[in-house]
Amino acid sequence: DDYTNELSAQDRYSPILIPDVNPSAAAEPDALYLSFLQADFVELFSSFAGRGEGGGRPNDSQAETETETETETETGTGMAQFDVVVTCFLIDAVNHVEDAVRAIRHALRPGGLWLNCGPLQWHENSVLHLALDELLQLVRDAGFEVVEVEQLEPVPYRSDRDAASSTRPLLYRPVLWAARRL
């Protein structure tokens, strides 16, 4: 329970400052496209892999379609349309990490960049619980060049005061890495 082992109930409530800036005001009209969608990540991004609305894990009947989509994507006629995909505290929360990696690859244009930041505290629904070196090999095998990896300082899950105000702080050691789609 997130609300146990606290020294003060007041620590549950802290202000969050959000900048009042319109990001699109800094760019040319129609030059900036930023989306934030709440959905199943693999299902949503699988549509960029040409699997349509259902997404999901490929089966034998989809293998040929996936190969055709791969060829279309490589030539620029497929669904790949993003220059950058950023995932934050996501990769360890998906059921099938290999599906998420594949979906990200298909969503990116060739040469596109995937930035990932988060821990590898795999959720119980995750089928694979990979170490960082195994995850990065999976990313390479999926057609990415890993260009940078950095272990970040530990961060409290809820707030900066969490470590000081709890008898059992929850800390993460996130990893930040960048991979370029080949």
N, C-alpha and C. Protein backbone atom coordinates (compact mmCIF):
# COMPACT_ATOMS: atom_id res chain seq x y z
N ASP A 1 0.85 -1.18 0.00
CA ASP A 1 0.00 0.00 0.00
C ASP A 1 0.89 1.23 0.00
N ASP A 2 0.60 2.16 -0.91
CA ASP A 2 1.41 3.38 -1.03
C ASP A 2 1.25 4.32 0.15
N TYR A 3 0.20 4.17 0.94
CA TYR A 3 -0.05 5.11 2.02
C TYR A 3 0.19 4.51 3.39
N THR A 4 1.15 3.61 3.49
CA THR A 4 1.55 3.08 4.77
C THR A 4 3.02 3.40 4.97
N ASN A 5 3.48 3.22 6.15
CA ASN A 5 4.88 3.48 6.50
C ASN A 5 5.26 4.94 6.34
N GLU A 6 4.31 5.85 6.57
CA GLU A 6 4.60 7.28 6.49
C GLU A 6 4.67 7.86 7.88
N LEU A 7 5.49 8.88 8.02
CA LEU A 7 5.59 9.56 9.30
C LEU A 7 4.53 10.63 9.45
N SER A 8 4.05 11.20 8.33
CA SER A 8 3.06 12.26 8.38
C SER A 8 2.07 12.12 7.22
N ALA A 9 0.78 12.26 7.52
CA ALA A 9 -0.24 12.19 6.47
C ALA A 9 -0.10 13.36 5.50
N GLN A 10 0.46 14.49 5.96
CA GLN A 10 0.64 15.66 5.11
C GLN A 10 1.55 15.36 3.93
N ASP A 11 2.43 14.38 4.06
CA ASP A 11 3.35 14.04 2.98
C ASP A 11 2.65 13.47 1.76
N ARG A 12 1.39 13.10 1.91
CA ARG A 12 0.63 12.58 0.77
C ARG A 12 0.21 13.69 -0.18
N TYR A 13 0.25 14.92 0.28
CA TYR A 13 -0.23 16.04 -0.52
C TYR A 13 0.89 17.06 -0.70
N SER A 14 1.31 17.24 -1.90
CA SER A 14 2.33 18.24 -2.18
C SER A 14 2.00 18.91 -3.50
N PRO A 15 2.32 20.18 -3.61
CA PRO A 15 1.98 20.91 -4.84
C PRO A 15 2.81 20.42 -6.02
N ILE A 16 2.20 20.48 -7.17
CA ILE A 16 2.88 20.16 -8.42
C ILE A 16 2.74 21.37 -9.32
N LEU A 17 3.85 21.93 -9.77
CA LEU A 17 3.82 23.09 -10.64
C LEU A 17 3.88 22.63 -12.09
N ILE A 18 2.95 23.11 -12.88
CA ILE A 18 2.90 22.76 -14.29
C ILE A 18 3.09 24.04 -15.09
N PRO A 19 4.09 24.08 -15.96
CA PRO A 19 4.31 25.32 -16.72
C PRO A 19 3.12 25.64 -17.61
N ASP A 20 2.79 26.93 -17.67
CA ASP A 20 1.67 27.38 -18.49
C ASP A 20 2.23 27.86 -19.83
N VAL A 21 2.68 26.89 -20.63
CA VAL A 21 3.28 27.18 -21.92
C VAL A 21 2.61 26.31 -22.97
N ASN A 22 2.27 26.91 -24.08
CA ASN A 22 1.68 26.16 -25.18
C ASN A 22 2.81 25.73 -26.11
N PRO A 23 3.17 24.43 -26.14
CA PRO A 23 4.30 24.00 -26.97
C PRO A 23 4.12 24.30 -28.45
N SER A 24 2.88 24.29 -28.92
CA SER A 24 2.67 24.54 -30.34
C SER A 24 2.93 25.99 -30.72
N ALA A 25 2.92 26.90 -29.74
CA ALA A 25 3.22 28.30 -30.03
C ALA A 25 4.68 28.50 -30.43
N ALA A 26 5.54 27.57 -30.05
CA ALA A 26 6.96 27.68 -30.35
C ALA A 26 7.33 27.09 -31.70
N ALA A 27 6.39 26.50 -32.39
CA ALA A 27 6.67 25.83 -33.66
C ALA A 27 5.79 26.42 -34.77
N GLU A 28 6.20 26.15 -35.97
CA GLU A 28 5.39 26.54 -37.12
C GLU A 28 4.07 25.77 -37.07
N PRO A 29 2.99 26.38 -37.51
CA PRO A 29 1.72 25.63 -37.54
C PRO A 29 1.88 24.34 -38.34
N ASP A 30 1.31 23.30 -37.86
CA ASP A 30 1.34 21.97 -38.48
C ASP A 30 2.73 21.32 -38.49
N ALA A 31 3.74 21.95 -37.90
CA ALA A 31 5.08 21.37 -37.87
C ALA A 31 5.29 20.51 -36.62
N LEU A 32 4.48 20.74 -35.63
CA LEU A 32 4.64 20.02 -34.37
C LEU A 32 3.46 19.08 -34.17
N TYR A 33 3.76 17.81 -33.98
CA TYR A 33 2.71 16.85 -33.68
C TYR A 33 3.11 16.12 -32.43
N LEU A 34 2.35 16.30 -31.39
CA LEU A 34 2.60 15.64 -30.13
C LEU A 34 1.31 14.98 -29.71
N SER A 35 1.38 13.71 -29.39
CA SER A 35 0.16 13.04 -28.96
C SER A 35 0.39 12.37 -27.62
N PHE A 36 -0.66 12.36 -26.84
CA PHE A 36 -0.67 11.66 -25.57
C PHE A 36 -1.97 10.89 -25.53
N LEU A 37 -1.88 9.60 -25.56
CA LEU A 37 -3.07 8.76 -25.59
C LEU A 37 -3.03 7.76 -24.45
N GLN A 38 -4.15 7.58 -23.81
CA GLN A 38 -4.25 6.56 -22.80
C GLN A 38 -4.86 5.33 -23.46
N ALA A 39 -4.07 4.30 -23.57
CA ALA A 39 -4.53 3.07 -24.23
C ALA A 39 -3.51 1.98 -23.95
N ASP A 40 -3.84 0.77 -24.35
CA ASP A 40 -2.86 -0.31 -24.29
C ASP A 40 -1.78 0.00 -25.31
N PHE A 41 -0.55 0.15 -24.86
CA PHE A 41 0.54 0.61 -25.72
C PHE A 41 0.73 -0.28 -26.94
N VAL A 42 0.84 -1.56 -26.72
CA VAL A 42 1.10 -2.47 -27.84
C VAL A 42 -0.07 -2.47 -28.81
N GLU A 43 -1.30 -2.48 -28.28
CA GLU A 43 -2.46 -2.48 -29.16
C GLU A 43 -2.51 -1.20 -29.99
N LEU A 44 -2.26 -0.07 -29.36
CA LEU A 44 -2.29 1.21 -30.07
C LEU A 44 -1.20 1.29 -31.13
N PHE A 45 0.03 0.98 -30.75
CA PHE A 45 1.14 1.14 -31.68
C PHE A 45 1.25 0.00 -32.68
N SER A 46 0.56 -1.11 -32.44
CA SER A 46 0.56 -2.17 -33.43
C SER A 46 -0.14 -1.74 -34.70
N SER A 47 -1.02 -0.74 -34.60
CA SER A 47 -1.67 -0.24 -35.81
C SER A 47 -0.64 0.37 -36.75
N PHE A 48 0.48 0.85 -36.22
CA PHE A 48 1.54 1.38 -37.07
C PHE A 48 2.33 0.25 -37.73
N ALA A 49 2.14 -0.96 -37.22
CA ALA A 49 2.81 -2.11 -37.82
C ALA A 49 1.92 -2.76 -38.87
N GLY A 50 0.78 -2.14 -39.14
CA GLY A 50 -0.11 -2.66 -40.16
C GLY A 50 -1.01 -3.77 -39.68
N ARG A 51 -1.15 -3.94 -38.37
CA ARG A 51 -1.99 -5.01 -37.85
C ARG A 51 -3.42 -4.55 -37.62
N GLY A 52 -3.70 -3.27 -37.84
CA GLY A 52 -5.07 -2.78 -37.68
C GLY A 52 -5.43 -2.57 -36.23
N GLU A 53 -6.70 -2.48 -35.98
CA GLU A 53 -7.20 -2.11 -34.67
C GLU A 53 -6.89 -3.13 -33.59
N GLY A 54 -6.90 -4.39 -33.91
CA GLY A 54 -6.79 -5.41 -32.88
C GLY A 54 -5.43 -5.49 -32.23
N GLY A 55 -4.37 -5.16 -32.94
CA GLY A 55 -3.04 -5.28 -32.36
C GLY A 55 -2.78 -6.70 -31.94
N GLY A 56 -2.17 -6.86 -30.79
CA GLY A 56 -1.99 -8.19 -30.23
C GLY A 56 -0.77 -8.91 -30.76
N ARG A 57 -0.58 -10.11 -30.28
CA ARG A 57 0.60 -10.90 -30.63
C ARG A 57 0.42 -11.52 -32.00
N PRO A 58 1.48 -11.54 -32.80
CA PRO A 58 1.36 -12.16 -34.12
C PRO A 58 1.20 -13.66 -34.00
N ASN A 59 0.43 -14.24 -34.90
CA ASN A 59 0.33 -15.69 -34.95
C ASN A 59 0.86 -16.13 -36.31
N ASP A 60 0.79 -17.41 -36.60
CA ASP A 60 1.36 -17.91 -37.85
C ASP A 60 0.75 -17.25 -39.07
N SER A 61 -0.55 -16.97 -39.04
CA SER A 61 -1.19 -16.37 -40.20
C SER A 61 -0.77 -14.92 -40.40
N GLN A 62 -0.26 -14.28 -39.34
CA GLN A 62 0.18 -12.89 -39.45
C GLN A 62 1.64 -12.79 -39.86
N ALA A 63 2.40 -13.85 -39.82
CA ALA A 63 3.83 -13.79 -40.08
C ALA A 63 4.12 -13.25 -41.48
N GLU A 64 3.38 -13.72 -42.49
CA GLU A 64 3.61 -13.24 -43.85
C GLU A 64 3.24 -11.77 -43.96
N THR A 65 2.12 -11.37 -43.35
CA THR A 65 1.71 -9.97 -43.37
C THR A 65 2.76 -9.10 -42.70
N GLU A 66 3.31 -9.56 -41.60
CA GLU A 66 4.33 -8.78 -40.89
C GLU A 66 5.56 -8.58 -41.77
N THR A 67 5.97 -9.58 -42.52
CA THR A 67 7.11 -9.46 -43.42
C THR A 67 6.81 -8.45 -44.52
N GLU A 68 5.60 -8.49 -45.07
CA GLU A 68 5.23 -7.52 -46.10
C GLU A 68 5.22 -6.11 -45.53
N THR A 69 4.69 -5.95 -44.33
CA THR A 69 4.64 -4.64 -43.68
C THR A 69 6.05 -4.12 -43.44
N GLU A 70 6.94 -5.01 -43.03
CA GLU A 70 8.34 -4.64 -42.80
C GLU A 70 8.94 -4.06 -44.07
N THR A 71 8.71 -4.70 -45.20
CA THR A 71 9.23 -4.21 -46.47
C THR A 71 8.63 -2.87 -46.82
N GLU A 72 7.32 -2.71 -46.65
CA GLU A 72 6.68 -1.43 -46.93
C GLU A 72 7.24 -0.34 -46.05
N THR A 73 7.45 -0.64 -44.77
CA THR A 73 7.96 0.34 -43.83
C THR A 73 9.37 0.76 -44.22
N GLU A 74 10.20 -0.19 -44.62
CA GLU A 74 11.57 0.12 -45.00
C GLU A 74 11.61 1.06 -46.20
N THR A 75 10.66 0.94 -47.10
CA THR A 75 10.66 1.78 -48.30
C THR A 75 9.92 3.09 -48.08
N GLY A 76 9.38 3.29 -46.89
CA GLY A 76 8.71 4.53 -46.59
C GLY A 76 7.24 4.56 -46.98
N THR A 77 6.70 3.45 -47.45
CA THR A 77 5.30 3.42 -47.85
C THR A 77 4.41 2.77 -46.80
N GLY A 78 5.00 2.31 -45.73
CA GLY A 78 4.23 1.64 -44.69
C GLY A 78 3.70 2.63 -43.67
N MET A 79 3.43 2.14 -42.47
CA MET A 79 2.78 2.95 -41.45
C MET A 79 3.77 3.75 -40.60
N ALA A 80 5.07 3.51 -40.68
CA ALA A 80 6.04 4.20 -39.85
C ALA A 80 5.94 5.70 -40.11
N GLN A 81 5.71 6.47 -39.03
CA GLN A 81 5.50 7.89 -39.25
C GLN A 81 6.12 8.79 -38.20
N PHE A 82 6.76 8.22 -37.18
CA PHE A 82 7.31 9.05 -36.12
C PHE A 82 8.82 9.15 -36.25
N ASP A 83 9.35 10.34 -35.95
CA ASP A 83 10.79 10.54 -35.90
C ASP A 83 11.34 10.13 -34.54
N VAL A 84 10.53 10.28 -33.49
CA VAL A 84 10.95 9.96 -32.12
C VAL A 84 9.78 9.32 -31.39
N VAL A 85 10.08 8.29 -30.62
CA VAL A 85 9.12 7.71 -29.67
C VAL A 85 9.79 7.76 -28.31
N VAL A 86 9.09 8.29 -27.31
CA VAL A 86 9.60 8.38 -25.95
C VAL A 86 8.74 7.49 -25.07
N THR A 87 9.38 6.58 -24.35
CA THR A 87 8.66 5.74 -23.39
C THR A 87 9.24 6.01 -22.01
N CYS A 88 8.38 6.25 -21.07
CA CYS A 88 8.81 6.58 -19.71
C CYS A 88 8.07 5.68 -18.73
N PHE A 89 8.82 4.90 -17.98
CA PHE A 89 8.25 3.97 -17.01
C PHE A 89 7.20 3.09 -17.67
N LEU A 90 7.53 2.57 -18.85
CA LEU A 90 6.58 1.76 -19.60
C LEU A 90 7.08 0.34 -19.85
N ILE A 91 8.32 0.21 -20.27
CA ILE A 91 8.79 -1.05 -20.85
C ILE A 91 8.66 -2.22 -19.88
N ASP A 92 8.76 -1.96 -18.57
CA ASP A 92 8.65 -3.04 -17.59
C ASP A 92 7.20 -3.30 -17.17
N ALA A 93 6.27 -2.56 -17.79
CA ALA A 93 4.86 -2.71 -17.43
C ALA A 93 4.03 -3.44 -18.48
N VAL A 94 4.61 -3.70 -19.64
CA VAL A 94 3.86 -4.36 -20.70
C VAL A 94 3.86 -5.88 -20.48
N ASN A 95 2.86 -6.54 -21.01
CA ASN A 95 2.78 -8.00 -20.87
C ASN A 95 3.90 -8.70 -21.63
N HIS A 96 4.11 -8.28 -22.87
CA HIS A 96 5.09 -8.93 -23.74
C HIS A 96 6.04 -7.86 -24.27
N VAL A 97 7.20 -7.74 -23.66
CA VAL A 97 8.14 -6.69 -24.01
C VAL A 97 8.56 -6.79 -25.48
N GLU A 98 8.64 -7.99 -26.01
CA GLU A 98 9.04 -8.14 -27.40
C GLU A 98 8.01 -7.53 -28.34
N ASP A 99 6.74 -7.57 -27.97
CA ASP A 99 5.69 -6.94 -28.77
C ASP A 99 5.83 -5.41 -28.72
N ALA A 100 6.15 -4.89 -27.55
CA ALA A 100 6.32 -3.44 -27.41
C ALA A 100 7.50 -2.96 -28.24
N VAL A 101 8.61 -3.69 -28.21
CA VAL A 101 9.79 -3.31 -29.00
C VAL A 101 9.44 -3.34 -30.49
N ARG A 102 8.76 -4.38 -30.91
CA ARG A 102 8.36 -4.49 -32.33
C ARG A 102 7.43 -3.34 -32.72
N ALA A 103 6.46 -3.02 -31.88
CA ALA A 103 5.51 -1.95 -32.17
C ALA A 103 6.23 -0.60 -32.28
N ILE A 104 7.19 -0.36 -31.40
CA ILE A 104 7.95 0.89 -31.44
C ILE A 104 8.77 0.96 -32.72
N ARG A 105 9.38 -0.13 -33.09
CA ARG A 105 10.17 -0.15 -34.33
C ARG A 105 9.31 0.18 -35.54
N HIS A 106 8.14 -0.41 -35.60
CA HIS A 106 7.26 -0.18 -36.74
C HIS A 106 6.65 1.23 -36.73
N ALA A 107 6.55 1.84 -35.56
CA ALA A 107 6.02 3.21 -35.48
C ALA A 107 7.06 4.24 -35.91
N LEU A 108 8.35 3.89 -35.81
CA LEU A 108 9.43 4.81 -36.15
C LEU A 108 9.80 4.75 -37.63
N ARG A 109 10.13 5.89 -38.17
CA ARG A 109 10.71 5.93 -39.51
C ARG A 109 12.13 5.38 -39.42
N PRO A 110 12.68 4.86 -40.52
CA PRO A 110 14.10 4.46 -40.51
C PRO A 110 14.96 5.65 -40.06
N GLY A 111 15.87 5.40 -39.15
CA GLY A 111 16.70 6.46 -38.58
C GLY A 111 16.06 7.14 -37.39
N GLY A 112 14.79 6.79 -37.09
CA GLY A 112 14.09 7.40 -35.96
C GLY A 112 14.70 6.98 -34.64
N LEU A 113 14.45 7.77 -33.62
CA LEU A 113 15.07 7.58 -32.31
C LEU A 113 14.04 7.15 -31.28
N TRP A 114 14.40 6.14 -30.50
CA TRP A 114 13.57 5.69 -29.38
C TRP A 114 14.32 6.06 -28.10
N LEU A 115 13.68 6.88 -27.28
CA LEU A 115 14.23 7.25 -25.97
C LEU A 115 13.41 6.54 -24.91
N ASN A 116 14.08 5.83 -24.02
CA ASN A 116 13.40 5.11 -22.96
C ASN A 116 14.00 5.50 -21.62
N CYS A 117 13.15 5.76 -20.65
CA CYS A 117 13.60 6.04 -19.30
C CYS A 117 12.69 5.31 -18.34
N GLY A 118 13.28 4.55 -17.45
CA GLY A 118 12.49 3.86 -16.45
C GLY A 118 13.26 2.71 -15.84
N PRO A 119 12.70 2.16 -14.80
CA PRO A 119 13.35 1.03 -14.14
C PRO A 119 13.02 -0.28 -14.85
N LEU A 120 13.63 -1.33 -14.41
CA LEU A 120 13.29 -2.67 -14.88
C LEU A 120 12.70 -3.45 -13.70
N GLN A 121 11.69 -2.87 -13.13
CA GLN A 121 10.96 -3.51 -12.04
C GLN A 121 9.72 -4.13 -12.65
N TRP A 122 9.93 -5.25 -13.30
CA TRP A 122 8.91 -5.88 -14.12
C TRP A 122 7.64 -6.14 -13.33
N HIS A 123 6.51 -5.78 -13.92
CA HIS A 123 5.22 -6.01 -13.29
C HIS A 123 4.89 -7.49 -13.36
N GLU A 124 4.01 -7.93 -12.49
CA GLU A 124 3.71 -9.36 -12.43
C GLU A 124 3.06 -9.88 -13.71
N ASN A 125 2.43 -9.00 -14.49
CA ASN A 125 1.81 -9.44 -15.74
C ASN A 125 2.83 -9.60 -16.87
N SER A 126 4.05 -9.12 -16.68
CA SER A 126 5.08 -9.23 -17.70
C SER A 126 5.54 -10.68 -17.81
N VAL A 127 5.56 -11.20 -19.02
CA VAL A 127 5.95 -12.59 -19.23
C VAL A 127 7.46 -12.76 -19.06
N LEU A 128 8.23 -11.85 -19.64
CA LEU A 128 9.68 -11.90 -19.51
C LEU A 128 10.15 -10.87 -18.49
N HIS A 129 11.07 -11.25 -17.64
CA HIS A 129 11.67 -10.34 -16.67
C HIS A 129 13.15 -10.26 -17.00
N LEU A 130 13.48 -9.39 -17.95
CA LEU A 130 14.83 -9.32 -18.50
C LEU A 130 15.74 -8.41 -17.68
N ALA A 131 17.02 -8.78 -17.62
CA ALA A 131 18.04 -7.88 -17.10
C ALA A 131 18.32 -6.85 -18.19
N LEU A 132 18.97 -5.76 -17.84
CA LEU A 132 19.23 -4.69 -18.81
C LEU A 132 19.98 -5.19 -20.03
N ASP A 133 21.03 -6.00 -19.84
CA ASP A 133 21.79 -6.48 -21.00
C ASP A 133 20.92 -7.35 -21.91
N GLU A 134 20.01 -8.14 -21.33
CA GLU A 134 19.12 -8.96 -22.15
C GLU A 134 18.11 -8.09 -22.91
N LEU A 135 17.59 -7.07 -22.24
CA LEU A 135 16.64 -6.17 -22.89
C LEU A 135 17.31 -5.42 -24.05
N LEU A 136 18.50 -4.91 -23.83
CA LEU A 136 19.20 -4.19 -24.90
C LEU A 136 19.54 -5.11 -26.06
N GLN A 137 19.83 -6.39 -25.80
CA GLN A 137 20.06 -7.33 -26.88
C GLN A 137 18.78 -7.58 -27.67
N LEU A 138 17.65 -7.67 -26.97
CA LEU A 138 16.36 -7.80 -27.63
C LEU A 138 16.10 -6.59 -28.54
N VAL A 139 16.43 -5.41 -28.06
CA VAL A 139 16.26 -4.18 -28.84
C VAL A 139 17.15 -4.22 -30.08
N ARG A 140 18.40 -4.64 -29.91
CA ARG A 140 19.32 -4.75 -31.06
C ARG A 140 18.80 -5.78 -32.07
N ASP A 141 18.36 -6.92 -31.57
CA ASP A 141 17.86 -7.99 -32.44
C ASP A 141 16.62 -7.56 -33.21
N ALA A 142 15.89 -6.58 -32.68
CA ALA A 142 14.68 -6.09 -33.34
C ALA A 142 14.98 -5.04 -34.41
N GLY A 143 16.25 -4.69 -34.58
CA GLY A 143 16.60 -3.75 -35.64
C GLY A 143 16.93 -2.35 -35.16
N PHE A 144 17.48 -2.24 -33.98
CA PHE A 144 17.90 -0.96 -33.44
C PHE A 144 19.40 -0.96 -33.18
N GLU A 145 19.98 0.22 -33.24
CA GLU A 145 21.35 0.44 -32.76
C GLU A 145 21.21 1.18 -31.44
N VAL A 146 21.69 0.59 -30.36
CA VAL A 146 21.66 1.26 -29.06
C VAL A 146 22.80 2.26 -29.05
N VAL A 147 22.46 3.55 -28.93
CA VAL A 147 23.47 4.59 -29.07
C VAL A 147 23.93 5.17 -27.74
N GLU A 148 23.12 5.00 -26.69
CA GLU A 148 23.54 5.51 -25.39
C GLU A 148 22.75 4.82 -24.29
N VAL A 149 23.43 4.55 -23.18
CA VAL A 149 22.80 3.95 -22.00
C VAL A 149 23.36 4.65 -20.78
N GLU A 150 22.49 5.10 -19.88
CA GLU A 150 22.95 5.78 -18.68
C GLU A 150 22.11 5.34 -17.49
N GLN A 151 22.76 4.90 -16.43
CA GLN A 151 22.08 4.56 -15.18
C GLN A 151 21.88 5.87 -14.41
N LEU A 152 20.65 6.20 -14.09
CA LEU A 152 20.34 7.44 -13.40
C LEU A 152 20.38 7.24 -11.89
N GLU A 153 20.41 8.34 -11.17
CA GLU A 153 20.38 8.30 -9.71
C GLU A 153 19.03 7.76 -9.24
N PRO A 154 19.00 7.16 -8.06
CA PRO A 154 17.72 6.66 -7.54
C PRO A 154 16.72 7.81 -7.37
N VAL A 155 15.47 7.52 -7.68
CA VAL A 155 14.41 8.52 -7.52
C VAL A 155 13.27 7.91 -6.71
N PRO A 156 12.68 8.70 -5.81
CA PRO A 156 11.51 8.21 -5.07
C PRO A 156 10.34 8.05 -6.03
N TYR A 157 9.52 7.08 -5.78
CA TYR A 157 8.39 6.81 -6.66
C TYR A 157 7.35 7.93 -6.61
N ARG A 158 7.06 8.44 -5.43
CA ARG A 158 5.98 9.43 -5.31
C ARG A 158 6.47 10.87 -5.26
N SER A 159 7.51 11.18 -4.52
CA SER A 159 7.96 12.56 -4.39
C SER A 159 9.38 12.58 -3.87
N ASP A 160 10.00 13.74 -3.98
CA ASP A 160 11.35 13.89 -3.44
C ASP A 160 11.37 13.70 -1.94
N ARG A 161 10.27 14.02 -1.29
CA ARG A 161 10.22 13.89 0.17
C ARG A 161 9.96 12.46 0.60
N ASP A 162 9.60 11.58 -0.32
CA ASP A 162 9.24 10.21 0.03
C ASP A 162 10.33 9.52 0.84
N ALA A 163 11.57 9.67 0.40
CA ALA A 163 12.66 8.99 1.09
C ALA A 163 12.83 9.49 2.52
N ALA A 164 12.56 10.77 2.74
CA ALA A 164 12.73 11.34 4.07
C ALA A 164 11.51 11.17 4.95
N SER A 165 10.33 11.01 4.35
CA SER A 165 9.11 11.00 5.15
C SER A 165 8.48 9.63 5.31
N SER A 166 9.16 8.61 4.89
CA SER A 166 8.59 7.27 4.97
C SER A 166 9.52 6.36 5.75
N THR A 167 8.92 5.40 6.42
CA THR A 167 9.74 4.40 7.09
C THR A 167 10.17 3.31 6.11
N ARG A 168 9.56 3.30 4.94
CA ARG A 168 9.92 2.34 3.89
C ARG A 168 9.79 3.03 2.53
N PRO A 169 10.79 3.83 2.16
CA PRO A 169 10.67 4.55 0.89
C PRO A 169 10.75 3.61 -0.30
N LEU A 170 10.04 3.98 -1.35
CA LEU A 170 10.06 3.22 -2.58
C LEU A 170 10.93 3.98 -3.58
N LEU A 171 12.07 3.44 -3.89
CA LEU A 171 13.02 4.10 -4.79
C LEU A 171 13.22 3.27 -6.05
N TYR A 172 13.41 3.96 -7.15
CA TYR A 172 13.73 3.32 -8.42
C TYR A 172 15.09 3.79 -8.89
N ARG A 173 15.80 2.93 -9.60
CA ARG A 173 17.04 3.32 -10.27
C ARG A 173 16.78 3.21 -11.76
N PRO A 174 16.21 4.26 -12.34
CA PRO A 174 15.87 4.19 -13.75
C PRO A 174 17.09 4.17 -14.67
N VAL A 175 16.90 3.62 -15.82
CA VAL A 175 17.92 3.59 -16.87
C VAL A 175 17.39 4.45 -18.01
N LEU A 176 18.24 5.30 -18.52
CA LEU A 176 17.91 6.12 -19.69
C LEU A 176 18.72 5.59 -20.85
N TRP A 177 18.05 5.28 -21.95
CA TRP A 177 18.79 4.82 -23.12
C TRP A 177 18.13 5.31 -24.39
N ALA A 178 18.97 5.40 -25.42
CA ALA A 178 18.52 5.83 -26.73
C ALA A 178 18.90 4.76 -27.74
N ALA A 179 17.98 4.48 -28.65
CA ALA A 179 18.23 3.49 -29.70
C ALA A 179 17.72 4.07 -31.01
N ARG A 180 18.50 3.91 -32.06
CA ARG A 180 18.14 4.40 -33.38
C ARG A 180 17.68 3.24 -34.23
N ARG A 181 16.54 3.43 -34.91
CA ARG A 181 16.01 2.39 -35.78
C ARG A 181 16.88 2.29 -37.02
N LEU A 182 17.34 1.07 -37.31
CA LEU A 182 18.16 0.84 -38.50
C LEU A 182 17.30 0.75 -39.73
